[in-house]
Each structure stands twice: as structure tokens, then as C-alpha cells.
Amino acid sequence: MRVIVTAIAFAGVAGSILLSDESVAQSAVSICDSPKIFDQLPKPPNGCQRELIQSSGGLRPTEGLARGSAEKEWRRQVITKYGERFQSWANAACRRSECVPGAIAGLTRCTVSAIPCAQAPSYEGSSSVPVADLTIDEVKEMQRRLGVNADGLFGPKSVAALQAWQRRNGFFDDGAPTRAALEALRKAG
């Protein structure tokens, strides 16, 4: 099973984490699984709803198509419940998708969940991505290795630099500041 988690989307920048087992996924999403997440989200009308919407898509031949089908169903549900202002998957907080092989060989089904937001949320004046499993010093080390300002806040420039490095080196380009990403940067020198 593959699980992709986006802890929180910040000002249009999202950090996704590609995980291969549920125990790792559990620790990566602790921010979103906390009941206090709704206290941190901006409130409507221009903020986020107070409900996690979950939907499944149809069976598709590739994971990308299956995820697209699930996201389309999520948008349909959100429009029906909250209106078009909240339909953007890119603006949603706590995005999560899980894809599994379908009952028919060669097909995949994905389930997605997220909190609908009218605009991409930012939290307490920050546009940085929350880093669940790295210390501030490790975040700064990652930023130094990427050649960006090492301030310990993993913002849009840090995400873009990490994504570019991941693409150049054949990794999944999610821009997520994870321990695995830091270890890969360390090994690369």
C-alpha cells in the first residue's frame, strides 16, 4: 500500500510525504490528526471548513488516473456541501491520499481526504511547512545543503529548492522536508 500525506498546505505550497507503511504515515500526520487542527485553521468565509471530506474514485489503470478520479469526486462532494469557493484541492488542508490495487488485476483505486478551504491556509503568520520529524538544526542543515537561507522555516523557496534537487537526483519530487530527504542530501554530499 502506498500512502501520500500532505500535512498542511501553506500559501499554495504543499509538502507531500510518500510513505510505504501505515506506522510511518501515522507519525507523519500527527498535526492533521490532532483535534486542535481546526483551531489552527482560518475560519470561513475565506478560511477552512470544520470537516474532513473523504471520497474514493473509480478503478483506473494507473495510480495518477485513480488519484485524479478520487480528487474529482472529492471536489464534487465539496461543491455540493459548501459551494464552489471551497472546491480547490490545492487549497485544501491536511490532504491525504491512499491508493491500493483494485480487485481487477492492473487497476488501482484511490481514496482522498482533506479539509476544504476557500484559500490556501497560512498559520499564525507563517508560510512555512510543518516539519514533523526533523529538529530545527536539521531543517537548517537541509536548507544549507540546498543552498537556501538557513532560517529553520521550511517555506516556499526551501520547498522549491528541495523539489529541484529531488528531480535532478531521480527522487519523487514532493518537496517534503523529511528525515529520508535529509539522509539522501547527506549521502549526496
N, C-alpha and C. Protein backbone atom coordinates (compact mmCIF):
# COMPACT_ATOMS: atom_id res chain seq x y z
N MET A 1 0.85 -1.17 0.00
CA MET A 1 0.00 0.00 0.00
C MET A 1 0.89 1.23 0.00
N ARG A 2 0.53 2.23 -0.79
CA ARG A 2 1.25 3.50 -0.80
C ARG A 2 0.34 4.58 -0.26
N VAL A 3 0.87 5.39 0.61
CA VAL A 3 0.10 6.47 1.20
C VAL A 3 0.85 7.76 0.94
N ILE A 4 0.15 8.77 0.43
CA ILE A 4 0.74 10.09 0.28
C ILE A 4 0.01 11.01 1.21
N VAL A 5 0.77 11.71 2.03
CA VAL A 5 0.19 12.60 3.02
C VAL A 5 0.68 14.01 2.78
N THR A 6 -0.21 14.95 2.82
CA THR A 6 0.18 16.35 2.82
C THR A 6 -0.28 16.91 4.14
N ALA A 7 0.66 17.19 4.99
CA ALA A 7 0.29 17.62 6.34
C ALA A 7 -0.59 18.85 6.29
N ILE A 8 -0.09 19.94 5.79
CA ILE A 8 -0.88 21.16 5.69
C ILE A 8 -0.37 21.93 4.49
N ALA A 9 -1.28 22.49 3.73
CA ALA A 9 -0.88 23.32 2.60
C ALA A 9 -0.70 24.74 3.11
N PHE A 10 0.39 25.37 2.80
CA PHE A 10 0.67 26.72 3.25
C PHE A 10 0.79 27.64 2.06
N ALA A 11 -0.07 28.62 1.97
CA ALA A 11 0.02 29.67 0.95
C ALA A 11 0.30 29.08 -0.42
N GLY A 12 -0.39 28.01 -0.78
CA GLY A 12 -0.25 27.42 -2.10
C GLY A 12 0.90 26.43 -2.22
N VAL A 13 1.71 26.27 -1.18
CA VAL A 13 2.81 25.33 -1.21
C VAL A 13 2.45 24.16 -0.31
N ALA A 14 2.58 22.98 -0.82
CA ALA A 14 2.22 21.82 -0.02
C ALA A 14 3.42 20.92 0.14
N GLY A 15 3.52 20.28 1.26
CA GLY A 15 4.57 19.30 1.47
C GLY A 15 3.95 17.93 1.49
N SER A 16 4.23 17.10 0.51
CA SER A 16 3.70 15.75 0.48
C SER A 16 4.77 14.79 0.91
N ILE A 17 4.36 13.73 1.54
CA ILE A 17 5.29 12.74 2.04
C ILE A 17 4.87 11.40 1.45
N LEU A 18 5.75 10.74 0.73
CA LEU A 18 5.46 9.43 0.18
C LEU A 18 5.89 8.39 1.19
N LEU A 19 4.95 7.61 1.64
CA LEU A 19 5.21 6.65 2.69
C LEU A 19 4.85 5.25 2.22
N SER A 20 5.54 4.27 2.75
CA SER A 20 5.26 2.91 2.31
C SER A 20 4.60 2.06 3.37
N ASP A 21 4.51 2.54 4.59
CA ASP A 21 3.78 1.75 5.57
C ASP A 21 2.98 2.66 6.51
N GLU A 22 1.93 2.09 7.05
CA GLU A 22 0.98 2.89 7.81
C GLU A 22 1.55 3.42 9.11
N SER A 23 2.48 2.71 9.74
CA SER A 23 3.01 3.20 11.01
C SER A 23 3.79 4.49 10.81
N VAL A 24 4.54 4.59 9.72
CA VAL A 24 5.25 5.82 9.42
C VAL A 24 4.24 6.91 9.08
N ALA A 25 3.21 6.56 8.32
CA ALA A 25 2.18 7.53 7.96
C ALA A 25 1.50 8.09 9.20
N GLN A 26 1.28 7.26 10.20
CA GLN A 26 0.62 7.71 11.42
C GLN A 26 1.40 8.84 12.08
N SER A 27 2.74 8.69 12.18
CA SER A 27 3.53 9.72 12.84
C SER A 27 3.63 10.97 11.99
N ALA A 28 3.61 10.84 10.67
CA ALA A 28 3.76 12.00 9.79
C ALA A 28 2.53 12.89 9.80
N VAL A 29 1.38 12.35 10.12
CA VAL A 29 0.17 13.15 10.05
C VAL A 29 -0.35 13.57 11.42
N SER A 30 0.49 13.52 12.43
CA SER A 30 0.03 13.83 13.77
C SER A 30 -0.57 15.23 13.85
N ILE A 31 -0.06 16.17 13.08
CA ILE A 31 -0.61 17.53 13.07
C ILE A 31 -2.06 17.50 12.61
N CYS A 32 -2.31 16.79 11.53
CA CYS A 32 -3.66 16.76 10.96
C CYS A 32 -4.62 15.88 11.75
N ASP A 33 -4.10 14.90 12.45
CA ASP A 33 -4.97 14.02 13.23
C ASP A 33 -5.34 14.61 14.58
N SER A 34 -4.70 15.69 14.95
CA SER A 34 -4.99 16.33 16.23
C SER A 34 -6.34 17.03 16.18
N PRO A 35 -7.16 16.89 17.22
CA PRO A 35 -8.43 17.62 17.24
C PRO A 35 -8.24 19.13 17.24
N LYS A 36 -7.03 19.58 17.59
CA LYS A 36 -6.76 21.01 17.63
C LYS A 36 -6.48 21.61 16.25
N ILE A 37 -6.43 20.78 15.21
CA ILE A 37 -6.14 21.30 13.87
C ILE A 37 -7.14 22.36 13.47
N PHE A 38 -8.41 22.18 13.84
CA PHE A 38 -9.43 23.15 13.44
C PHE A 38 -9.24 24.49 14.14
N ASP A 39 -8.60 24.49 15.31
CA ASP A 39 -8.31 25.75 15.98
C ASP A 39 -7.22 26.53 15.25
N GLN A 40 -6.34 25.82 14.53
CA GLN A 40 -5.24 26.45 13.82
C GLN A 40 -5.64 26.95 12.43
N LEU A 41 -6.70 26.42 11.89
CA LEU A 41 -7.13 26.78 10.54
C LEU A 41 -7.90 28.09 10.55
N PRO A 42 -7.72 28.93 9.51
CA PRO A 42 -8.53 30.13 9.42
C PRO A 42 -10.00 29.75 9.21
N LYS A 43 -10.89 30.53 9.78
CA LYS A 43 -12.32 30.20 9.72
C LYS A 43 -12.97 30.75 8.45
N PRO A 44 -14.11 30.15 8.02
CA PRO A 44 -14.85 30.69 6.87
C PRO A 44 -15.29 32.11 7.16
N PRO A 45 -15.58 32.94 6.19
CA PRO A 45 -15.85 32.59 4.81
C PRO A 45 -14.61 32.42 3.94
N ASN A 46 -13.47 33.00 4.30
CA ASN A 46 -12.29 32.86 3.45
C ASN A 46 -11.31 31.83 3.98
N GLY A 47 -11.67 31.13 5.03
CA GLY A 47 -10.80 30.13 5.62
C GLY A 47 -11.23 28.72 5.25
N CYS A 48 -11.21 27.84 6.24
CA CYS A 48 -11.46 26.41 6.02
C CYS A 48 -12.71 25.95 6.76
N GLN A 49 -13.35 24.96 6.19
CA GLN A 49 -14.50 24.34 6.84
C GLN A 49 -14.01 23.52 8.03
N ARG A 50 -14.89 23.07 8.85
CA ARG A 50 -14.54 22.32 10.05
C ARG A 50 -14.88 20.84 9.90
N GLU A 51 -14.60 20.30 8.70
CA GLU A 51 -14.91 18.90 8.43
C GLU A 51 -13.89 18.33 7.45
N LEU A 52 -13.48 17.12 7.69
CA LEU A 52 -12.61 16.40 6.78
C LEU A 52 -13.50 15.64 5.80
N ILE A 53 -13.36 15.93 4.52
CA ILE A 53 -14.17 15.27 3.49
C ILE A 53 -13.34 14.14 2.88
N GLN A 54 -13.92 12.94 2.79
CA GLN A 54 -13.24 11.78 2.24
C GLN A 54 -14.03 11.24 1.07
N SER A 55 -13.33 10.82 0.01
CA SER A 55 -14.01 10.22 -1.14
C SER A 55 -13.10 9.24 -1.85
N SER A 56 -13.72 8.32 -2.56
CA SER A 56 -12.98 7.33 -3.35
C SER A 56 -13.33 7.51 -4.81
N GLY A 57 -12.35 7.25 -5.65
CA GLY A 57 -12.58 7.32 -7.09
C GLY A 57 -12.82 5.94 -7.66
N GLY A 58 -12.98 5.88 -8.96
CA GLY A 58 -13.19 4.61 -9.64
C GLY A 58 -11.89 3.88 -9.89
N LEU A 59 -12.00 2.63 -10.31
CA LEU A 59 -10.83 1.84 -10.69
C LEU A 59 -10.22 2.42 -11.96
N ARG A 60 -8.91 2.62 -11.96
CA ARG A 60 -8.22 3.20 -13.11
C ARG A 60 -6.93 2.41 -13.36
N PRO A 61 -6.41 2.47 -14.61
CA PRO A 61 -5.22 1.68 -14.95
C PRO A 61 -3.91 2.20 -14.35
N THR A 62 -3.86 3.46 -13.95
CA THR A 62 -2.64 3.98 -13.32
C THR A 62 -2.99 4.67 -12.01
N GLU A 63 -1.98 4.80 -11.16
CA GLU A 63 -2.20 5.46 -9.87
C GLU A 63 -2.57 6.94 -10.06
N GLY A 64 -1.94 7.60 -11.03
CA GLY A 64 -2.24 9.00 -11.30
C GLY A 64 -3.68 9.21 -11.72
N LEU A 65 -4.18 8.35 -12.60
CA LEU A 65 -5.58 8.45 -13.03
C LEU A 65 -6.53 8.12 -11.88
N ALA A 66 -6.17 7.15 -11.06
CA ALA A 66 -7.01 6.77 -9.92
C ALA A 66 -7.09 7.92 -8.91
N ARG A 67 -5.94 8.58 -8.66
CA ARG A 67 -5.94 9.71 -7.73
C ARG A 67 -6.77 10.86 -8.30
N GLY A 68 -6.63 11.11 -9.61
CA GLY A 68 -7.42 12.16 -10.26
C GLY A 68 -8.91 11.90 -10.14
N SER A 69 -9.31 10.65 -10.29
CA SER A 69 -10.71 10.27 -10.15
C SER A 69 -11.22 10.52 -8.73
N ALA A 70 -10.40 10.18 -7.74
CA ALA A 70 -10.79 10.40 -6.35
C ALA A 70 -10.87 11.89 -6.03
N GLU A 71 -9.92 12.68 -6.53
CA GLU A 71 -9.94 14.13 -6.29
C GLU A 71 -11.16 14.77 -6.97
N LYS A 72 -11.52 14.29 -8.14
CA LYS A 72 -12.71 14.81 -8.83
C LYS A 72 -13.97 14.53 -7.99
N GLU A 73 -14.07 13.35 -7.42
CA GLU A 73 -15.21 13.01 -6.56
C GLU A 73 -15.20 13.87 -5.29
N TRP A 74 -14.00 14.12 -4.73
CA TRP A 74 -13.87 14.97 -3.55
C TRP A 74 -14.40 16.37 -3.88
N ARG A 75 -13.97 16.93 -5.02
CA ARG A 75 -14.45 18.27 -5.42
C ARG A 75 -15.97 18.29 -5.59
N ARG A 76 -16.54 17.23 -6.18
CA ARG A 76 -18.00 17.17 -6.35
C ARG A 76 -18.70 17.22 -5.00
N GLN A 77 -18.21 16.45 -4.04
CA GLN A 77 -18.80 16.44 -2.70
C GLN A 77 -18.69 17.80 -2.02
N VAL A 78 -17.53 18.43 -2.17
CA VAL A 78 -17.30 19.73 -1.53
C VAL A 78 -18.21 20.79 -2.14
N ILE A 79 -18.33 20.82 -3.46
CA ILE A 79 -19.20 21.80 -4.12
C ILE A 79 -20.64 21.62 -3.66
N THR A 80 -21.08 20.37 -3.58
CA THR A 80 -22.44 20.09 -3.14
C THR A 80 -22.68 20.59 -1.71
N LYS A 81 -21.71 20.40 -0.84
CA LYS A 81 -21.89 20.73 0.56
C LYS A 81 -21.57 22.19 0.90
N TYR A 82 -20.47 22.74 0.31
CA TYR A 82 -20.00 24.06 0.72
C TYR A 82 -19.95 25.11 -0.40
N GLY A 83 -20.11 24.70 -1.64
CA GLY A 83 -20.06 25.65 -2.74
C GLY A 83 -18.72 25.66 -3.46
N GLU A 84 -18.68 26.35 -4.58
CA GLU A 84 -17.51 26.32 -5.46
C GLU A 84 -16.27 26.97 -4.87
N ARG A 85 -16.43 27.91 -3.95
CA ARG A 85 -15.26 28.59 -3.38
C ARG A 85 -14.34 27.62 -2.64
N PHE A 86 -14.84 26.48 -2.22
CA PHE A 86 -14.06 25.54 -1.41
C PHE A 86 -13.57 24.33 -2.22
N GLN A 87 -13.77 24.32 -3.53
CA GLN A 87 -13.52 23.12 -4.33
C GLN A 87 -12.05 22.85 -4.67
N SER A 88 -11.16 23.80 -4.47
CA SER A 88 -9.77 23.63 -4.89
C SER A 88 -9.02 22.62 -4.02
N TRP A 89 -8.56 21.55 -4.64
CA TRP A 89 -7.76 20.55 -3.94
C TRP A 89 -6.44 21.17 -3.49
N ALA A 90 -5.88 22.08 -4.29
CA ALA A 90 -4.61 22.71 -3.96
C ALA A 90 -4.71 23.58 -2.70
N ASN A 91 -5.88 24.13 -2.43
CA ASN A 91 -6.07 24.97 -1.25
C ASN A 91 -6.44 24.18 -0.01
N ALA A 92 -6.79 22.92 -0.17
CA ALA A 92 -7.26 22.11 0.96
C ALA A 92 -6.14 21.88 1.98
N ALA A 93 -6.54 21.77 3.23
CA ALA A 93 -5.59 21.48 4.31
C ALA A 93 -5.65 19.99 4.64
N CYS A 94 -4.55 19.47 5.13
CA CYS A 94 -4.46 18.07 5.56
C CYS A 94 -4.84 17.10 4.46
N ARG A 95 -4.33 17.34 3.27
CA ARG A 95 -4.63 16.45 2.15
C ARG A 95 -3.96 15.10 2.37
N ARG A 96 -4.69 14.07 2.06
CA ARG A 96 -4.17 12.71 2.22
C ARG A 96 -4.74 11.86 1.10
N SER A 97 -3.92 11.02 0.50
CA SER A 97 -4.43 10.07 -0.48
C SER A 97 -3.81 8.71 -0.24
N GLU A 98 -4.60 7.69 -0.46
CA GLU A 98 -4.15 6.32 -0.28
C GLU A 98 -4.62 5.53 -1.48
N CYS A 99 -3.70 4.85 -2.13
CA CYS A 99 -4.03 4.07 -3.32
C CYS A 99 -3.72 2.60 -3.07
N VAL A 100 -4.63 1.74 -3.51
CA VAL A 100 -4.46 0.30 -3.34
C VAL A 100 -4.82 -0.39 -4.66
N PRO A 101 -4.24 -1.56 -4.88
CA PRO A 101 -4.61 -2.31 -6.09
C PRO A 101 -6.09 -2.68 -6.05
N GLY A 102 -6.73 -2.59 -7.20
CA GLY A 102 -8.15 -2.93 -7.29
C GLY A 102 -8.38 -4.42 -7.33
N ALA A 103 -9.63 -4.82 -7.27
CA ALA A 103 -9.99 -6.24 -7.32
C ALA A 103 -9.70 -6.83 -8.69
N ILE A 104 -9.66 -5.98 -9.70
CA ILE A 104 -9.34 -6.42 -11.05
C ILE A 104 -7.85 -6.15 -11.29
N ALA A 105 -7.13 -7.15 -11.71
CA ALA A 105 -5.68 -7.03 -11.91
C ALA A 105 -5.35 -5.86 -12.83
N GLY A 106 -4.33 -5.09 -12.44
CA GLY A 106 -3.87 -3.98 -13.27
C GLY A 106 -4.60 -2.67 -13.04
N LEU A 107 -5.58 -2.67 -12.15
CA LEU A 107 -6.32 -1.45 -11.86
C LEU A 107 -6.07 -1.00 -10.42
N THR A 108 -6.18 0.30 -10.19
CA THR A 108 -5.92 0.90 -8.89
C THR A 108 -7.10 1.76 -8.47
N ARG A 109 -7.36 1.80 -7.16
CA ARG A 109 -8.38 2.69 -6.60
C ARG A 109 -7.73 3.55 -5.53
N CYS A 110 -8.06 4.83 -5.56
CA CYS A 110 -7.52 5.75 -4.56
C CYS A 110 -8.65 6.35 -3.73
N THR A 111 -8.33 6.64 -2.50
CA THR A 111 -9.22 7.37 -1.61
C THR A 111 -8.47 8.61 -1.16
N VAL A 112 -9.15 9.76 -1.19
CA VAL A 112 -8.53 11.01 -0.75
C VAL A 112 -9.36 11.62 0.35
N SER A 113 -8.71 12.41 1.19
CA SER A 113 -9.42 13.16 2.21
C SER A 113 -8.70 14.47 2.42
N ALA A 114 -9.46 15.51 2.75
CA ALA A 114 -8.88 16.83 3.00
C ALA A 114 -9.95 17.72 3.63
N ILE A 115 -9.48 18.80 4.24
CA ILE A 115 -10.37 19.81 4.79
C ILE A 115 -10.50 20.91 3.74
N PRO A 116 -11.71 21.18 3.25
CA PRO A 116 -11.89 22.18 2.21
C PRO A 116 -11.61 23.60 2.73
N CYS A 117 -10.85 24.36 1.95
CA CYS A 117 -10.51 25.74 2.29
C CYS A 117 -10.79 26.64 1.10
N ALA A 118 -11.30 27.84 1.36
CA ALA A 118 -11.56 28.79 0.29
C ALA A 118 -10.26 29.32 -0.28
N GLN A 119 -9.27 29.51 0.56
CA GLN A 119 -7.94 29.95 0.15
C GLN A 119 -6.94 29.05 0.84
N ALA A 120 -5.74 28.96 0.28
CA ALA A 120 -4.71 28.15 0.92
C ALA A 120 -4.43 28.75 2.30
N PRO A 121 -4.53 27.95 3.36
CA PRO A 121 -4.35 28.48 4.70
C PRO A 121 -2.89 28.79 5.03
N SER A 122 -2.69 29.80 5.82
CA SER A 122 -1.39 30.02 6.43
C SER A 122 -1.66 30.08 7.93
N TYR A 123 -0.70 29.69 8.71
CA TYR A 123 -0.93 29.54 10.13
C TYR A 123 -0.06 30.49 10.92
N GLU A 124 -0.70 31.24 11.79
CA GLU A 124 0.00 32.15 12.69
C GLU A 124 1.03 32.99 11.95
N GLY A 125 0.64 33.50 10.77
CA GLY A 125 1.51 34.40 10.01
C GLY A 125 2.66 33.71 9.33
N SER A 126 2.71 32.40 9.32
CA SER A 126 3.83 31.68 8.73
C SER A 126 3.45 31.10 7.39
N SER A 127 4.40 31.05 6.48
CA SER A 127 4.16 30.37 5.21
C SER A 127 5.09 29.17 5.10
N SER A 128 5.55 28.66 6.23
CA SER A 128 6.46 27.53 6.23
C SER A 128 5.70 26.22 6.41
N VAL A 129 6.31 25.15 5.92
CA VAL A 129 5.72 23.82 6.00
C VAL A 129 6.08 23.21 7.35
N PRO A 130 5.12 22.60 8.06
CA PRO A 130 5.46 21.97 9.33
C PRO A 130 6.37 20.76 9.10
N VAL A 131 7.35 20.61 9.94
CA VAL A 131 8.31 19.53 9.81
C VAL A 131 8.13 18.63 11.02
N ALA A 132 7.55 17.45 10.80
CA ALA A 132 7.19 16.59 11.91
C ALA A 132 8.37 15.84 12.51
N ASP A 133 9.32 15.41 11.68
CA ASP A 133 10.34 14.51 12.20
C ASP A 133 11.76 15.07 12.16
N LEU A 134 11.93 16.37 11.99
CA LEU A 134 13.25 16.99 11.98
C LEU A 134 13.34 18.07 13.05
N THR A 135 14.52 18.20 13.62
CA THR A 135 14.75 19.30 14.56
C THR A 135 15.02 20.58 13.76
N ILE A 136 14.99 21.71 14.42
CA ILE A 136 15.29 22.99 13.77
C ILE A 136 16.69 22.95 13.16
N ASP A 137 17.66 22.39 13.91
CA ASP A 137 19.03 22.31 13.39
C ASP A 137 19.10 21.44 12.14
N GLU A 138 18.32 20.36 12.10
CA GLU A 138 18.30 19.51 10.91
C GLU A 138 17.66 20.22 9.73
N VAL A 139 16.61 21.01 9.99
CA VAL A 139 15.99 21.79 8.93
C VAL A 139 17.00 22.79 8.38
N LYS A 140 17.73 23.45 9.27
CA LYS A 140 18.75 24.41 8.83
C LYS A 140 19.85 23.71 8.02
N GLU A 141 20.24 22.51 8.46
CA GLU A 141 21.24 21.75 7.71
C GLU A 141 20.72 21.44 6.31
N MET A 142 19.45 21.01 6.22
CA MET A 142 18.86 20.71 4.92
C MET A 142 18.87 21.96 4.04
N GLN A 143 18.50 23.09 4.61
CA GLN A 143 18.48 24.33 3.84
C GLN A 143 19.89 24.70 3.37
N ARG A 144 20.90 24.55 4.22
CA ARG A 144 22.28 24.84 3.81
C ARG A 144 22.70 23.93 2.65
N ARG A 145 22.37 22.66 2.74
CA ARG A 145 22.72 21.71 1.68
C ARG A 145 22.00 22.04 0.38
N LEU A 146 20.82 22.66 0.48
CA LEU A 146 20.06 23.05 -0.72
C LEU A 146 20.47 24.43 -1.24
N GLY A 147 21.27 25.15 -0.46
CA GLY A 147 21.74 26.47 -0.90
C GLY A 147 20.71 27.57 -0.73
N VAL A 148 19.82 27.42 0.25
CA VAL A 148 18.85 28.48 0.54
C VAL A 148 19.11 29.03 1.94
N ASN A 149 18.48 30.15 2.27
CA ASN A 149 18.63 30.78 3.57
C ASN A 149 18.29 29.78 4.69
N ALA A 150 19.26 29.51 5.55
CA ALA A 150 19.08 28.52 6.63
C ALA A 150 18.47 29.18 7.86
N ASP A 151 17.15 29.43 7.79
CA ASP A 151 16.46 30.10 8.90
C ASP A 151 15.64 29.13 9.75
N GLY A 152 15.57 27.86 9.35
CA GLY A 152 14.82 26.87 10.10
C GLY A 152 13.34 26.83 9.78
N LEU A 153 12.87 27.73 8.90
CA LEU A 153 11.47 27.75 8.46
C LEU A 153 11.43 27.23 7.03
N PHE A 154 10.79 26.10 6.82
CA PHE A 154 10.79 25.48 5.51
C PHE A 154 9.67 26.08 4.66
N GLY A 155 9.95 27.22 4.05
CA GLY A 155 8.97 27.96 3.26
C GLY A 155 9.03 27.63 1.79
N PRO A 156 8.36 28.45 0.95
CA PRO A 156 8.26 28.18 -0.49
C PRO A 156 9.60 28.04 -1.21
N LYS A 157 10.59 28.85 -0.86
CA LYS A 157 11.89 28.75 -1.52
C LYS A 157 12.59 27.45 -1.15
N SER A 158 12.47 27.03 0.09
CA SER A 158 13.08 25.77 0.52
C SER A 158 12.40 24.60 -0.17
N VAL A 159 11.07 24.62 -0.24
CA VAL A 159 10.32 23.55 -0.91
C VAL A 159 10.73 23.46 -2.37
N ALA A 160 10.80 24.61 -3.06
CA ALA A 160 11.17 24.63 -4.49
C ALA A 160 12.59 24.11 -4.68
N ALA A 161 13.51 24.49 -3.80
CA ALA A 161 14.90 24.01 -3.91
C ALA A 161 14.97 22.50 -3.71
N LEU A 162 14.22 21.98 -2.72
CA LEU A 162 14.22 20.55 -2.48
C LEU A 162 13.60 19.80 -3.65
N GLN A 163 12.50 20.32 -4.20
CA GLN A 163 11.87 19.67 -5.35
C GLN A 163 12.83 19.62 -6.53
N ALA A 164 13.54 20.71 -6.80
CA ALA A 164 14.50 20.74 -7.91
C ALA A 164 15.61 19.71 -7.69
N TRP A 165 16.13 19.64 -6.44
CA TRP A 165 17.16 18.66 -6.13
C TRP A 165 16.61 17.24 -6.31
N GLN A 166 15.39 16.98 -5.84
CA GLN A 166 14.80 15.65 -5.97
C GLN A 166 14.65 15.25 -7.43
N ARG A 167 14.20 16.18 -8.28
CA ARG A 167 14.05 15.88 -9.72
C ARG A 167 15.41 15.56 -10.34
N ARG A 168 16.42 16.37 -10.04
CA ARG A 168 17.76 16.16 -10.61
C ARG A 168 18.36 14.81 -10.19
N ASN A 169 17.98 14.33 -9.03
CA ASN A 169 18.58 13.12 -8.49
C ASN A 169 17.67 11.89 -8.55
N GLY A 170 16.57 11.98 -9.29
CA GLY A 170 15.71 10.82 -9.53
C GLY A 170 14.80 10.42 -8.39
N PHE A 171 14.52 11.35 -7.48
CA PHE A 171 13.60 11.07 -6.38
C PHE A 171 12.21 11.61 -6.71
N PHE A 172 11.21 11.12 -5.98
CA PHE A 172 9.85 11.66 -6.07
C PHE A 172 9.91 13.11 -5.61
N ASP A 173 9.51 14.05 -6.46
CA ASP A 173 9.71 15.48 -6.19
C ASP A 173 8.55 16.11 -5.43
N ASP A 174 8.42 15.69 -4.17
CA ASP A 174 7.33 16.21 -3.33
C ASP A 174 7.72 17.44 -2.53
N GLY A 175 9.01 17.71 -2.39
CA GLY A 175 9.45 18.89 -1.64
C GLY A 175 9.23 18.78 -0.14
N ALA A 176 9.00 17.57 0.35
CA ALA A 176 8.70 17.37 1.78
C ALA A 176 9.99 17.31 2.59
N PRO A 177 10.09 18.12 3.64
CA PRO A 177 11.28 18.12 4.49
C PRO A 177 11.24 16.96 5.49
N THR A 178 11.60 15.79 5.02
CA THR A 178 11.54 14.59 5.86
C THR A 178 12.94 14.12 6.22
N ARG A 179 13.00 13.22 7.19
CA ARG A 179 14.28 12.64 7.58
C ARG A 179 14.90 11.89 6.40
N ALA A 180 14.09 11.19 5.62
CA ALA A 180 14.61 10.46 4.45
C ALA A 180 15.23 11.42 3.44
N ALA A 181 14.60 12.57 3.22
CA ALA A 181 15.14 13.57 2.30
C ALA A 181 16.47 14.11 2.81
N LEU A 182 16.56 14.37 4.12
CA LEU A 182 17.79 14.86 4.70
C LEU A 182 18.90 13.82 4.56
N GLU A 183 18.59 12.55 4.82
CA GLU A 183 19.59 11.50 4.68
C GLU A 183 20.07 11.40 3.24
N ALA A 184 19.17 11.53 2.26
CA ALA A 184 19.57 11.50 0.85
C ALA A 184 20.48 12.67 0.52
N LEU A 185 20.17 13.84 1.06
CA LEU A 185 21.03 15.01 0.84
C LEU A 185 22.41 14.79 1.47
N ARG A 186 22.45 14.20 2.64
CA ARG A 186 23.73 13.91 3.30
C ARG A 186 24.56 12.94 2.48
N LYS A 187 23.93 11.89 1.96
CA LYS A 187 24.66 10.90 1.16
C LYS A 187 25.18 11.51 -0.14
N ALA A 188 24.43 12.47 -0.70
CA ALA A 188 24.84 13.10 -1.95
C ALA A 188 26.03 14.03 -1.75
N GLY A 189 26.29 14.40 -0.50
CA GLY A 189 27.45 15.24 -0.19
C GLY A 189 27.12 16.63 -0.17
